[in-house]
Amino acid sequence: MEEQVIDRQTDSENAPAVARQASAVQADLQRQRQALELQRERILDERTSNPHRRAALNAALADIEERLDTIS
């Protein structure tokens, strides 16, 4: 019985820390998502007639899209 009380106290003491950690992880993922979306917008706004540059932009865009899919 005493062990159960101690376990409950430990769980209740750790709950706020776990919630803060989960919230921090969510905030970090949101920042990463926003940064990737900004990069995607910059790439989409860039215009070039150079085929090598266009290929590099398309590759970068594909990478960003893949990373966004992974985060979501």
N, C-alpha and C. Protein backbone atom coordinates (compact mmCIF):
# COMPACT_ATOMS: atom_id res chain seq x y z
N MET A 1 0.83 -1.19 0.00
CA MET A 1 0.00 0.00 0.00
C MET A 1 0.87 1.25 0.00
N GLU A 2 1.89 1.24 0.81
CA GLU A 2 2.79 2.39 0.92
C GLU A 2 3.51 2.65 -0.41
N GLU A 3 3.88 1.58 -1.10
CA GLU A 3 4.56 1.72 -2.40
C GLU A 3 3.63 2.37 -3.42
N GLN A 4 2.36 2.04 -3.37
CA GLN A 4 1.39 2.63 -4.29
C GLN A 4 1.27 4.13 -4.07
N VAL A 5 1.28 4.56 -2.82
CA VAL A 5 1.19 5.98 -2.50
C VAL A 5 2.43 6.68 -3.00
N ILE A 6 3.58 6.10 -2.81
CA ILE A 6 4.84 6.69 -3.28
C ILE A 6 4.84 6.76 -4.80
N ASP A 7 4.39 5.70 -5.48
CA ASP A 7 4.32 5.69 -6.94
C ASP A 7 3.39 6.79 -7.45
N ARG A 8 2.24 6.96 -6.80
CA ARG A 8 1.30 8.01 -7.21
C ARG A 8 1.91 9.39 -7.02
N GLN A 9 2.61 9.59 -5.91
CA GLN A 9 3.24 10.89 -5.66
C GLN A 9 4.30 11.17 -6.71
N THR A 10 5.10 10.17 -7.02
CA THR A 10 6.15 10.33 -8.02
C THR A 10 5.54 10.63 -9.38
N ASP A 11 4.47 9.92 -9.74
CA ASP A 11 3.81 10.17 -11.02
C ASP A 11 3.24 11.57 -11.08
N SER A 12 2.61 12.01 -10.00
CA SER A 12 2.01 13.34 -10.01
C SER A 12 3.07 14.43 -10.02
N GLU A 13 4.22 14.17 -9.44
CA GLU A 13 5.31 15.15 -9.47
C GLU A 13 5.95 15.23 -10.84
N ASN A 14 6.01 14.11 -11.56
CA ASN A 14 6.61 14.06 -12.89
C ASN A 14 5.68 14.53 -13.99
N ALA A 15 4.38 14.54 -13.74
CA ALA A 15 3.41 14.90 -14.77
C ALA A 15 3.65 16.29 -15.35
N PRO A 16 3.87 17.33 -14.54
CA PRO A 16 4.12 18.65 -15.13
C PRO A 16 5.39 18.68 -15.98
N ALA A 17 6.42 17.98 -15.56
CA ALA A 17 7.66 17.95 -16.33
C ALA A 17 7.44 17.26 -17.67
N VAL A 18 6.68 16.21 -17.67
CA VAL A 18 6.39 15.48 -18.91
C VAL A 18 5.56 16.36 -19.84
N ALA A 19 4.60 17.06 -19.27
CA ALA A 19 3.75 17.95 -20.08
C ALA A 19 4.59 19.09 -20.68
N ARG A 20 5.50 19.65 -19.89
CA ARG A 20 6.38 20.72 -20.41
C ARG A 20 7.27 20.19 -21.52
N GLN A 21 7.78 18.98 -21.35
CA GLN A 21 8.64 18.40 -22.37
C GLN A 21 7.86 18.14 -23.65
N ALA A 22 6.65 17.64 -23.54
CA ALA A 22 5.82 17.39 -24.72
C ALA A 22 5.49 18.71 -25.41
N SER A 23 5.21 19.73 -24.61
CA SER A 23 4.91 21.04 -25.17
C SER A 23 6.13 21.61 -25.88
N ALA A 24 7.31 21.42 -25.32
CA ALA A 24 8.54 21.90 -25.94
C ALA A 24 8.80 21.18 -27.26
N VAL A 25 8.53 19.90 -27.30
CA VAL A 25 8.71 19.12 -28.53
C VAL A 25 7.75 19.63 -29.60
N GLN A 26 6.50 19.87 -29.22
CA GLN A 26 5.51 20.39 -30.16
C GLN A 26 5.93 21.75 -30.69
N ALA A 27 6.42 22.61 -29.82
CA ALA A 27 6.87 23.94 -30.23
C ALA A 27 8.05 23.84 -31.19
N ASP A 28 8.96 22.93 -30.91
CA ASP A 28 10.12 22.73 -31.79
C ASP A 28 9.68 22.24 -33.17
N LEU A 29 8.76 21.31 -33.19
CA LEU A 29 8.25 20.81 -34.48
C LEU A 29 7.54 21.92 -35.25
N GLN A 30 6.81 22.77 -34.55
CA GLN A 30 6.12 23.88 -35.21
C GLN A 30 7.14 24.86 -35.81
N ARG A 31 8.21 25.15 -35.07
CA ARG A 31 9.26 26.04 -35.60
C ARG A 31 9.93 25.43 -36.82
N GLN A 32 10.21 24.14 -36.77
CA GLN A 32 10.81 23.46 -37.92
C GLN A 32 9.88 23.52 -39.13
N ARG A 33 8.60 23.27 -38.91
CA ARG A 33 7.62 23.31 -39.99
C ARG A 33 7.55 24.71 -40.61
N GLN A 34 7.53 25.73 -39.77
CA GLN A 34 7.48 27.11 -40.27
C GLN A 34 8.73 27.46 -41.08
N ALA A 35 9.89 27.04 -40.60
CA ALA A 35 11.14 27.32 -41.31
C ALA A 35 11.13 26.63 -42.68
N LEU A 36 10.68 25.39 -42.73
CA LEU A 36 10.62 24.67 -44.00
C LEU A 36 9.61 25.31 -44.96
N GLU A 37 8.49 25.76 -44.42
CA GLU A 37 7.49 26.40 -45.27
C GLU A 37 8.02 27.72 -45.84
N LEU A 38 8.79 28.46 -45.05
CA LEU A 38 9.42 29.69 -45.55
C LEU A 38 10.43 29.38 -46.66
N GLN A 39 11.22 28.34 -46.45
CA GLN A 39 12.18 27.95 -47.48
C GLN A 39 11.46 27.55 -48.76
N ARG A 40 10.37 26.82 -48.61
CA ARG A 40 9.59 26.40 -49.78
C ARG A 40 9.05 27.62 -50.53
N GLU A 41 8.54 28.60 -49.80
CA GLU A 41 8.02 29.80 -50.44
C GLU A 41 9.12 30.57 -51.18
N ARG A 42 10.29 30.65 -50.58
CA ARG A 42 11.41 31.34 -51.24
C ARG A 42 11.79 30.65 -52.55
N ILE A 43 11.81 29.34 -52.51
CA ILE A 43 12.17 28.57 -53.71
C ILE A 43 11.10 28.77 -54.79
N LEU A 44 9.84 28.71 -54.38
CA LEU A 44 8.76 28.86 -55.35
C LEU A 44 8.74 30.27 -55.96
N ASP A 45 9.16 31.26 -55.20
CA ASP A 45 9.18 32.64 -55.69
C ASP A 45 10.37 32.93 -56.61
N GLU A 46 11.39 32.10 -56.53
CA GLU A 46 12.60 32.36 -57.33
C GLU A 46 12.38 31.95 -58.78
N ARG A 47 12.76 32.83 -59.66
CA ARG A 47 12.64 32.57 -61.10
C ARG A 47 14.03 32.54 -61.72
N THR A 48 14.24 31.59 -62.60
CA THR A 48 15.53 31.50 -63.28
C THR A 48 15.34 30.80 -64.63
N SER A 49 16.17 31.20 -65.56
CA SER A 49 16.14 30.53 -66.87
C SER A 49 17.30 29.54 -67.00
N ASN A 50 18.18 29.53 -66.00
CA ASN A 50 19.32 28.62 -66.00
C ASN A 50 18.83 27.21 -65.65
N PRO A 51 19.00 26.25 -66.57
CA PRO A 51 18.49 24.89 -66.32
C PRO A 51 19.16 24.21 -65.13
N HIS A 52 20.43 24.50 -64.89
CA HIS A 52 21.12 23.88 -63.74
C HIS A 52 20.58 24.44 -62.43
N ARG A 53 20.36 25.73 -62.40
CA ARG A 53 19.80 26.36 -61.21
C ARG A 53 18.37 25.88 -60.97
N ARG A 54 17.59 25.77 -62.03
CA ARG A 54 16.22 25.29 -61.92
C ARG A 54 16.20 23.85 -61.39
N ALA A 55 17.12 23.02 -61.86
CA ALA A 55 17.20 21.63 -61.38
C ALA A 55 17.55 21.60 -59.90
N ALA A 56 18.47 22.48 -59.48
CA ALA A 56 18.85 22.55 -58.07
C ALA A 56 17.67 23.00 -57.21
N LEU A 57 16.92 23.97 -57.70
CA LEU A 57 15.75 24.44 -56.97
C LEU A 57 14.69 23.35 -56.85
N ASN A 58 14.48 22.61 -57.93
CA ASN A 58 13.51 21.51 -57.89
C ASN A 58 13.94 20.42 -56.91
N ALA A 59 15.24 20.13 -56.87
CA ALA A 59 15.74 19.13 -55.92
C ALA A 59 15.57 19.62 -54.49
N ALA A 60 15.86 20.90 -54.25
CA ALA A 60 15.69 21.47 -52.92
C ALA A 60 14.22 21.45 -52.51
N LEU A 61 13.35 21.77 -53.45
CA LEU A 61 11.92 21.77 -53.17
C LEU A 61 11.44 20.36 -52.82
N ALA A 62 11.91 19.37 -53.55
CA ALA A 62 11.54 17.99 -53.26
C ALA A 62 12.01 17.57 -51.86
N ASP A 63 13.21 17.99 -51.50
CA ASP A 63 13.75 17.68 -50.18
C ASP A 63 12.91 18.34 -49.08
N ILE A 64 12.54 19.58 -49.29
CA ILE A 64 11.73 20.29 -48.30
C ILE A 64 10.36 19.62 -48.17
N GLU A 65 9.76 19.27 -49.28
CA GLU A 65 8.45 18.60 -49.24
C GLU A 65 8.54 17.28 -48.47
N GLU A 66 9.60 16.54 -48.69
CA GLU A 66 9.78 15.27 -47.98
C GLU A 66 9.94 15.49 -46.48
N ARG A 67 10.71 16.50 -46.11
CA ARG A 67 10.91 16.80 -44.69
C ARG A 67 9.61 17.28 -44.05
N LEU A 68 8.82 18.05 -44.78
CA LEU A 68 7.53 18.50 -44.25
C LEU A 68 6.60 17.30 -44.03
N ASP A 69 6.61 16.36 -44.95
CA ASP A 69 5.80 15.15 -44.80
C ASP A 69 6.22 14.35 -43.57
N THR A 70 7.51 14.32 -43.31
CA THR A 70 8.04 13.59 -42.16
C THR A 70 7.60 14.24 -40.86
N ILE A 71 7.61 15.57 -40.82
CA ILE A 71 7.22 16.29 -39.61
C ILE A 71 5.73 16.16 -39.35
N SER A 72 4.94 16.22 -40.40
CA SER A 72 3.47 16.22 -40.24
C SER A 72 2.91 14.89 -39.87
